[in-house]
Each structure stands twice: as C-alpha cells, then as structure tokens.
Protein backbone atom coordinates (compact mmCIF):
# COMPACT_ATOMS: atom_id res chain seq x y z
CA MET A 1 0.00 0.00 0.00
CA ASP A 2 1.27 3.47 -0.91
CA ILE A 3 2.21 5.18 2.37
CA SER A 4 1.31 8.57 0.87
CA ILE A 5 -2.38 7.59 1.09
CA PHE A 6 -2.17 7.83 4.88
CA GLY A 7 -0.57 11.25 4.48
CA TRP A 8 -3.48 12.48 2.38
CA PHE A 9 -5.92 10.92 4.87
CA PHE A 10 -4.20 12.70 7.76
CA LEU A 11 -4.14 15.99 5.85
CA GLY A 12 -7.85 15.65 5.16
CA LEU A 13 -8.52 15.07 8.88
CA VAL A 14 -6.41 18.10 9.83
CA LEU A 15 -8.29 20.32 7.39
CA LEU A 16 -11.62 19.01 8.71
CA VAL A 17 -10.69 19.66 12.34
CA VAL A 18 -9.20 23.10 11.66
CA GLY A 19 -12.11 24.03 9.42
CA ALA A 20 -14.64 22.96 12.03
CA GLU A 21 -12.77 24.87 14.76
CA VAL A 22 -12.71 28.06 12.68
CA LEU A 23 -16.37 27.61 11.74
CA VAL A 24 -17.47 26.95 15.33
CA ARG A 25 -15.53 29.95 16.66
CA GLY A 26 -17.06 32.32 14.16
CA ALA A 27 -20.59 30.89 14.22
CA SER A 28 -20.88 30.49 17.99
CA LYS A 29 -19.70 34.02 18.72
CA LEU A 30 -21.96 35.37 16.00
CA ALA A 31 -24.92 33.58 17.61
CA LEU A 32 -23.99 34.72 21.11
CA SER A 33 -23.79 38.28 19.78
CA LEU A 34 -27.46 37.90 18.89
CA GLY A 35 -28.32 36.94 22.48
CA ILE A 36 -28.75 33.18 22.06
CA SER A 37 -28.13 31.18 25.27
CA PRO A 38 -25.05 28.93 25.74
CA LEU A 39 -27.20 25.77 25.87
CA VAL A 40 -28.96 26.65 22.61
CA VAL A 41 -25.60 27.56 21.05
CA GLY A 42 -24.39 24.07 21.98
CA LEU A 43 -27.54 22.47 20.61
CA THR A 44 -27.60 24.39 17.34
CA VAL A 45 -24.60 26.46 16.21
CA VAL A 46 -21.82 24.43 17.83
CA ALA A 47 -23.60 21.14 17.08
CA LEU A 48 -24.08 22.07 13.42
CA GLY A 49 -20.51 23.37 13.23
CA THR A 50 -18.98 20.21 14.68
CA SER A 51 -21.28 18.14 12.43
CA SER A 52 -20.03 20.01 9.36
CA PRO A 53 -17.22 17.45 8.70
CA GLU A 54 -19.87 14.72 8.60
CA LEU A 55 -21.94 16.88 6.23
CA ALA A 56 -18.99 17.56 3.94
CA VAL A 57 -17.91 13.91 3.86
CA SER A 58 -21.43 12.49 3.37
CA VAL A 59 -22.30 14.93 0.58
CA GLN A 60 -18.99 14.26 -1.16
CA SER A 61 -19.51 10.49 -0.79
CA ALA A 62 -23.08 10.66 -2.14
CA TRP A 63 -21.93 12.66 -5.15
CA SER A 64 -19.29 10.00 -5.79
CA GLY A 65 -21.91 7.23 -5.66
CA ARG A 66 -20.67 5.87 -2.34
CA ALA A 67 -23.88 5.69 -0.31
CA ASP A 68 -22.37 3.22 2.18
CA ILE A 69 -19.78 5.76 3.31
CA ALA A 70 -22.39 8.54 3.44
CA LEU A 71 -24.81 6.53 5.59
CA GLY A 72 -22.14 4.72 7.61
CA ASN A 73 -20.58 8.07 8.48
CA VAL A 74 -23.86 9.36 9.98
CA VAL A 75 -24.76 6.21 11.89
CA GLY A 76 -21.19 5.57 13.03
CA SER A 77 -20.78 9.19 14.14
CA ASN A 78 -23.94 9.07 16.26
CA ILE A 79 -22.76 5.90 17.99
CA PHE A 80 -19.26 7.35 18.41
CA ASN A 81 -20.63 10.64 19.81
CA ILE A 82 -22.61 9.01 22.62
CA LEU A 83 -20.56 5.98 23.55
CA PHE A 84 -17.06 7.36 23.10
CA ILE A 85 -17.17 11.16 23.36
CA LEU A 86 -19.89 11.50 26.00
CA GLY A 87 -18.46 8.49 27.82
CA LEU A 88 -14.94 9.89 27.79
CA SER A 89 -16.11 13.36 28.88
CA ALA A 90 -18.08 11.91 31.80
CA ALA A 91 -15.20 9.61 32.77
CA ILE A 92 -12.99 12.70 33.08
CA ILE A 93 -15.51 14.93 34.88
CA PRO A 94 -19.09 13.95 35.85
CA LEU A 95 -21.46 16.00 33.71
CA LEU A 96 -24.53 17.78 35.00
CA VAL A 97 -27.47 17.54 32.62
CA HIS A 98 -29.76 20.47 31.88
CA ARG A 99 -33.47 19.74 32.38
CA GLN A 100 -34.23 20.87 28.82
CA LEU A 101 -32.08 18.04 27.47
CA ILE A 102 -34.09 15.46 29.41
CA ARG A 103 -37.48 16.86 28.54
CA GLN A 104 -36.86 17.91 24.96
CA GLU A 105 -33.62 17.10 23.16
CA VAL A 106 -33.01 13.47 24.20
CA PRO A 107 -36.60 12.41 23.30
CA LEU A 108 -36.14 14.25 20.00
CA MET A 109 -32.85 12.41 19.37
CA ILE A 110 -34.63 9.12 20.03
CA GLY A 111 -37.53 10.17 17.78
CA VAL A 112 -35.41 11.11 14.76
CA SER A 113 -33.34 7.93 15.20
CA LEU A 114 -36.52 5.86 15.05
CA LEU A 115 -37.74 7.90 12.09
CA LEU A 116 -34.54 7.13 10.19
CA TRP A 117 -35.01 3.40 10.84
CA ILE A 118 -38.63 3.57 9.66
CA LEU A 119 -37.73 5.45 6.48
CA ALA A 120 -34.96 2.91 5.81
CA ILE A 121 -37.36 -0.05 5.85
CA ASP A 122 -37.81 0.17 2.07
CA GLY A 123 -34.03 -0.10 1.60
CA ASN A 124 -33.24 3.47 0.63
CA ILE A 125 -33.32 7.10 1.76
CA SER A 126 -34.98 9.13 -0.99
CA ARG A 127 -35.04 12.84 -1.77
CA TRP A 128 -38.50 13.04 -0.18
CA ASP A 129 -37.04 11.54 2.99
CA GLY A 130 -34.27 14.12 2.84
CA LEU A 131 -36.81 16.91 2.38
CA LEU A 132 -38.66 15.68 5.47
CA PHE A 133 -35.45 15.72 7.52
CA VAL A 134 -34.56 19.25 6.38
CA ALA A 135 -38.08 20.50 7.16
CA LEU A 136 -37.82 19.03 10.67
CA LEU A 137 -34.37 20.63 11.02
CA LEU A 138 -35.70 24.10 10.17
CA ALA A 139 -38.66 23.67 12.53
CA TYR A 140 -36.41 22.49 15.38
CA THR A 141 -33.89 25.30 14.90
CA PHE A 142 -36.63 27.94 14.79
CA PHE A 143 -38.22 26.48 17.92
CA VAL A 144 -35.08 26.38 20.09
CA ILE A 145 -33.98 29.88 19.03
CA ARG A 146 -37.42 31.27 19.81
CA GLN A 147 -37.36 29.40 23.10
CA SER A 148 -34.00 30.95 23.93
CA ARG A 149 -35.34 34.44 23.27
CA ARG A 150 -37.76 34.00 26.18
CA GLU A 151 -34.95 33.74 28.69
CA THR A 152 -34.64 36.40 31.33
CA ALA A 153 -32.42 39.43 30.80
CA ALA A 154 -30.17 38.15 33.59
CA ASN A 155 -28.65 35.62 31.18
CA HIS A 156 -27.60 38.40 28.82
CA GLU A 157 -24.55 39.13 30.98
CA GLU A 158 -23.48 35.48 30.70
CA HIS A 159 -23.79 35.67 26.92
CA GLN A 160 -21.66 38.81 26.77
CA LYS A 161 -19.01 37.22 29.00
CA LEU A 162 -18.75 34.25 26.64
CA ILE A 163 -18.52 36.59 23.65
CA THR A 164 -15.82 38.86 25.00
CA GLY A 165 -14.11 36.58 27.52
CA GLY A 166 -13.97 39.58 29.82
CA GLY A 167 -12.12 41.71 27.27
CA GLN A 168 -12.16 42.62 23.57
CA PRO A 169 -10.86 39.65 21.51
CA TRP A 170 -9.77 40.13 17.91
CA ASP A 171 -12.88 38.38 16.56
CA HIS A 172 -15.51 40.40 18.44
CA HIS A 173 -16.75 42.13 15.26
CA TRP A 174 -19.52 40.43 13.26
CA ALA A 175 -17.67 40.86 9.95
CA ILE A 176 -14.66 38.90 11.23
CA GLN A 177 -16.97 36.23 12.67
CA LEU A 178 -18.69 35.88 9.28
CA LEU A 179 -15.30 35.62 7.54
CA LEU A 180 -14.30 32.82 9.93
CA VAL A 181 -17.47 30.94 8.99
CA LEU A 182 -16.65 31.19 5.27
CA VAL A 183 -13.00 30.17 5.73
CA GLY A 184 -14.07 27.22 7.89
CA LEU A 185 -16.51 26.01 5.22
CA CYS A 186 -13.82 26.14 2.52
CA LEU A 187 -11.41 24.10 4.65
CA LEU A 188 -14.15 21.55 5.36
CA VAL A 189 -14.93 21.01 1.69
CA LEU A 190 -11.27 20.49 0.80
CA GLY A 191 -10.64 18.23 3.79
CA ALA A 192 -13.69 16.10 3.04
CA ASP A 193 -12.59 15.51 -0.53
CA LEU A 194 -9.12 14.36 0.55
CA LEU A 195 -10.43 12.17 3.37
CA VAL A 196 -13.08 10.36 1.29
CA GLU A 197 -10.69 9.54 -1.54
CA ALA A 198 -8.02 8.30 0.88
CA ALA A 199 -10.55 6.26 2.89
CA VAL A 200 -11.88 4.52 -0.21
CA THR A 201 -8.32 3.67 -1.29
CA VAL A 202 -7.50 2.25 2.15
CA ALA A 203 -10.71 0.20 2.14
CA SER A 204 -9.96 -1.36 -1.23
CA GLU A 205 -6.35 -2.11 -0.27
CA LEU A 206 -7.33 -3.77 3.04
CA GLY A 207 -10.37 -5.57 1.66
CA MET A 208 -12.76 -3.67 3.94
CA SER A 209 -16.24 -2.70 2.77
CA GLU A 210 -17.01 1.00 2.32
CA LEU A 211 -19.76 0.64 4.94
CA ILE A 212 -17.26 -0.53 7.60
CA VAL A 213 -14.91 2.31 6.66
CA GLY A 214 -17.76 4.78 7.06
CA LEU A 215 -18.81 3.31 10.42
CA THR A 216 -15.29 3.33 11.86
CA ILE A 217 -12.43 5.30 10.29
CA VAL A 218 -14.50 8.07 8.72
CA ALA A 219 -16.95 8.31 11.63
CA ALA A 220 -14.16 8.59 14.20
CA GLY A 221 -12.23 11.03 12.02
CA THR A 222 -15.14 13.37 11.43
CA GLY A 223 -16.00 13.06 15.14
CA LEU A 224 -12.73 14.71 16.20
CA PRO A 225 -14.31 18.20 16.44
CA GLU A 226 -16.94 16.83 18.84
CA VAL A 227 -14.17 15.14 20.85
CA ALA A 228 -12.21 18.37 21.22
CA THR A 229 -15.26 20.57 21.83
CA SER A 230 -16.90 18.41 24.49
CA ILE A 231 -13.75 17.50 26.42
CA VAL A 232 -12.47 21.09 26.48
CA ALA A 233 -15.91 22.40 27.43
CA SER A 234 -16.29 19.86 30.26
CA ILE A 235 -12.82 20.65 31.65
CA ARG A 236 -13.63 24.36 31.58
CA GLY A 237 -16.88 23.70 33.43
CA GLU A 238 -19.10 24.64 30.45
CA ARG A 239 -21.12 21.46 30.82
CA ASP A 240 -24.22 22.75 29.02
CA ILE A 241 -22.15 23.16 25.86
CA ALA A 242 -20.32 19.85 26.43
CA VAL A 243 -23.48 17.74 26.67
CA GLY A 244 -25.61 19.91 24.40
CA ASN A 245 -22.99 19.64 21.67
CA ILE A 246 -23.20 15.82 21.65
CA ILE A 247 -26.99 15.56 21.72
CA GLY A 248 -27.36 18.40 19.24
CA SER A 249 -24.77 16.85 16.92
CA ASN A 250 -26.68 13.57 16.82
CA ILE A 251 -29.91 15.38 15.96
CA PHE A 252 -28.14 17.44 13.28
CA ASN A 253 -26.35 14.38 11.86
CA ILE A 254 -29.70 12.85 10.96
CA LEU A 255 -31.74 15.95 10.11
CA ALA A 256 -29.04 18.12 8.51
CA VAL A 257 -26.28 15.79 7.32
CA LEU A 258 -28.49 12.97 6.06
CA GLY A 259 -31.24 15.37 4.99
CA PHE A 260 -29.04 17.53 2.77
CA THR A 261 -27.08 14.50 1.55
CA ALA A 262 -30.29 12.81 0.36
CA LEU A 263 -31.44 16.04 -1.30
CA VAL A 264 -28.27 16.61 -3.34
CA SER A 265 -27.48 12.96 -4.08
CA PRO A 266 -27.93 12.01 -7.76
CA ASP A 267 -29.82 8.88 -6.66
CA SER A 268 -31.54 7.60 -3.54
CA LEU A 269 -29.16 6.43 -0.82
CA ALA A 270 -29.25 2.62 -0.73
CA VAL A 271 -29.35 1.21 2.82
CA ALA A 272 -27.26 -1.92 3.25
CA PRO A 273 -29.11 -4.83 4.98
CA SER A 274 -26.41 -5.08 7.67
CA LEU A 275 -26.76 -1.35 8.42
CA PHE A 276 -30.54 -1.65 8.74
CA GLY A 277 -30.48 -4.90 10.71
CA PHE A 278 -27.73 -4.06 13.22
CA ASP A 279 -25.99 -0.68 13.17
CA LEU A 280 -29.16 1.40 13.02
CA LEU A 281 -30.58 -0.64 15.91
CA VAL A 282 -27.42 -0.02 17.94
CA MET A 283 -27.75 3.72 17.24
CA ILE A 284 -31.36 3.66 18.48
CA ALA A 285 -30.46 1.60 21.56
CA VAL A 286 -27.65 4.02 22.43
CA ALA A 287 -30.02 6.99 22.10
CA VAL A 288 -32.62 5.29 24.32
CA ALA A 289 -29.96 4.43 26.92
CA CYS A 290 -29.27 8.16 27.39
CA LEU A 291 -32.70 8.84 28.85
CA PRO A 292 -32.48 6.75 32.05
CA ILE A 293 -28.84 7.80 32.56
CA PHE A 294 -29.79 11.46 32.36
CA PHE A 295 -32.66 10.91 34.78
CA THR A 296 -30.44 9.51 37.53
CA GLY A 297 -29.88 12.72 39.41
CA HIS A 298 -29.49 14.81 36.24
CA LEU A 299 -25.86 13.70 36.27
CA ILE A 300 -23.74 11.50 34.01
CA ALA A 301 -21.50 9.82 36.57
CA ARG A 302 -18.00 8.52 35.92
CA TRP A 303 -19.08 4.89 36.08
CA GLU A 304 -21.79 5.60 33.48
CA GLY A 305 -19.17 7.20 31.24
CA ILE A 306 -16.94 4.15 31.64
CA LEU A 307 -19.94 1.93 30.80
CA PHE A 308 -20.43 3.83 27.55
CA LEU A 309 -16.73 3.46 26.70
CA ALA A 310 -16.97 -0.28 27.33
CA TYR A 311 -19.94 -0.51 24.97
CA TYR A 312 -18.03 1.33 22.26
CA ALA A 313 -15.18 -1.14 22.68
CA ALA A 314 -17.68 -3.99 22.31
CA TYR A 315 -19.21 -2.41 19.20
CA SER A 316 -15.78 -1.92 17.66
CA THR A 317 -14.96 -5.55 18.45
CA TYR A 318 -18.05 -6.62 16.54
CA LEU A 319 -17.00 -4.61 13.49
CA ILE A 320 -13.51 -6.14 13.63
CA LEU A 321 -15.04 -9.62 13.78
CA GLU A 322 -17.22 -8.75 10.79
CA VAL A 323 -14.27 -7.54 8.74
CA SER A 324 -12.23 -10.64 9.58
CA GLY A 325 -15.18 -12.97 8.97
CA HIS A 326 -14.66 -14.58 12.38
CA ASP A 327 -17.06 -17.37 13.40
CA ALA A 328 -17.83 -15.59 16.69
CA GLN A 329 -19.45 -12.63 14.89
CA THR A 330 -23.00 -14.03 14.91
CA ASP A 331 -22.95 -15.07 18.57
CA PHE A 332 -21.39 -11.76 19.58
CA SER A 333 -24.02 -9.68 17.75
CA LEU A 334 -26.84 -11.73 19.27
CA ALA A 335 -25.40 -11.25 22.76
CA MET A 336 -25.09 -7.48 22.22
CA GLY A 337 -28.47 -7.01 20.57
CA TRP A 338 -30.63 -9.27 22.71
CA PHE A 339 -28.92 -9.33 26.10
CA LEU A 340 -26.29 -6.73 27.03
CA ILE A 341 -27.90 -3.59 25.60
CA PRO A 342 -31.47 -4.38 26.80
CA LEU A 343 -30.12 -5.37 30.22
CA THR A 344 -28.32 -2.04 30.55
CA VAL A 345 -31.40 -0.06 29.48
CA ILE A 346 -33.59 -1.95 31.98
CA THR A 347 -31.06 -1.49 34.80
CA LEU A 348 -30.71 2.22 34.18
CA SER A 349 -34.49 2.62 33.87
CA VAL A 350 -34.98 0.96 37.27
CA MET A 351 -32.32 3.26 38.74
CA ALA A 352 -34.07 6.29 37.27
CA TRP A 353 -37.42 5.14 38.69
CA ARG A 354 -35.90 4.59 42.13
CA TYR A 355 -34.27 8.01 42.04
CA ARG A 356 -37.57 9.67 41.21
CA GLN A 357 -39.27 7.78 44.05
CA VAL A 358 -36.60 8.94 46.50
CA ALA A 359 -36.81 12.51 45.23
CA GLN A 360 -40.60 12.55 45.59
CA GLY A 361 -40.30 11.09 49.11
CA GLN A 362 -37.89 13.85 50.09
CA LYS A 363 -40.28 16.51 48.81
CA THR A 364 -43.23 15.17 50.81
CA SER A 365 -41.23 14.70 54.05
C-alpha cells in the first residue's frame, strides 16, 4: 500500500478539524452576539458546526456514488458521539445535565433515530425523505432559538461574557466572525474531498467494505471536532455546551447531514441490509440508553461514562469480527443485541425510577 495515502488521509482530517474549529468559533460568537443562550448555542450552532465534517464527507460520498460511506458516516458518528465522546467526557468529569435536554432534546434524538429506521425499511433514503429531515431541522432550529429568546435578561450578561471573555478579543466584530465561517466552510470542503478519496483507497487495499470504513475510520475522524469541543468544554466547566454539543450533533447528523445529503445525491441512498439490521438498531439503543442515565440525578456519573466506553469497545470488536469474517461474529451480535444492551437499558431505567421515588419522598417529608 502506498504510504502517501495515509498522508493524504491525515491531511484531510487536519483540514476538517481546523475548518470545524474556525467555523465553530465564528458561528458560535456570532450567535452569542445575537443573544442566544449557551445551551442553545451548543444544541444548534456548535452542534451544526462540529457536524459540518460529517456533512462535507457524506455529501462528497453521495456525489461520488458511495452511499455506504455517506450513511455509515452518519450512523457511526452518532454511535461514536454518545458511547465514546460522551463516555470519555463523563469519565474525566461527571457531567450535570440540563433539564431541557431530558425533557426535549433526548426524546427528539430518540424520535429522529426511530424515524430514520422507519424510512430505511424500504431499503433506501430518498429525496423526499431528505426533504422531510430538512423541514424538521428548520422547525427544530426555529423552535429552540425562539425558546432561547424567552430567557430572562439576567442571562444576557453570561452571553456577553462568553462573547468577550472579559475583554475585547480580535474576533468580536460580526464581519470577522462571518469571515471565519466562510474560511471554515472552505477548509471543510477540501478536507472532506481528501479524506473520502483516501478512505476509499485504504478500504480497497485492506479488503474492507465502504460501509465498515464509514462506520469506523470516517466516523471517528469526522467526530474529532466533537471530541475536542466536548472535552475542552467539560474541563472548563461549560457542561451545558459539552453535553448539548453531543446531543445536538446527533440530531443534526440525521436531520441536517443525512437530509441535505439525500437532497443533493444524484440517486436515492441505498441502505445496506447489515446497516438496517444491526448498526441502526445499535444507534437507536444508544439513544434510548441516554434517557435513564440522564434521569439519575441529572448527572452523568464517571461509572456511566466508563460503561459507555466499554460498549463502544464492544461495538468496535463486533465490526472487527465482521471484517475478519470470524465465526464468533453471529454469537457476539446476538449477545449485544438481545442481552447486554437491553439489560443495561432496563437497569438504568430501574435506577431512574428509584431516584424519582426517593426525590418525591424527600419533597413530601
């Protein structure tokens, strides 16, 4: 294998990460200048910005006729975001969860995940499906921004502090912020082109399917902005942005990335049977598992973060077994799909129910 392929792949990743960072910096400060709350910035602007590598890669893949990479990138990124990034962030510092995430965004993430599975039953994601996703995206964005506008004036000082950092940074002017957005988008497009071409070459050389490449290498690569954003935000104590970025990114990956990809794709996106029968179900199970975890004291504890990391290791093991054609693949997938994941969801649900009972008992005493 030509070693230069890995160089082009790495360069593509660097351009994606730098482009996303520039885009997020400009877009988030531009939004905060308009008085949008930090949580909503995490759910919308930052989430869309950090999802922009996925958008660039999926659109480029669809245009090249590589639907497996386009779809695998979205599904793999959503699994990677929750199990690895959220798990790693919580393992470092326990994350407090905003009530809005529990009541609104997590159920929405579950809902759009289920909707994707339903639309994929016929074996493809059509332009009409993409139009539906984009319409839901516009409605969701309008709703959360309008909701943010209702906040009290007391939060305005917090917004201004995040914009200025207590001083006058070089990018405080809206024109510079807009320029950063444009530069970030250009870097993303170039990086996506390099990464997709290199990933396809690596897949063919190693005998891996394009779907596996999309679920693993490309998904993890395009997830680097979310990794950096959430970990840095959690260390700095900006936990609303840390958690909101992950949940928002998963919503935007389906509604924005897959929606726009399906709209611009020359043909409908064909859904591989293995993606429909396993990976999409894992994505839904992971989304559902968030709800009871978030309910347990509105806190993602370290042990819950470690549990998520363990699940990502198990999922990656399954994909490795699939690539190698190992005999244990079938038994492993059955154990994950019918025992381990449901057991975890049930356990966490019982914990959430017990917590609510204790909380209600404390209120009445």
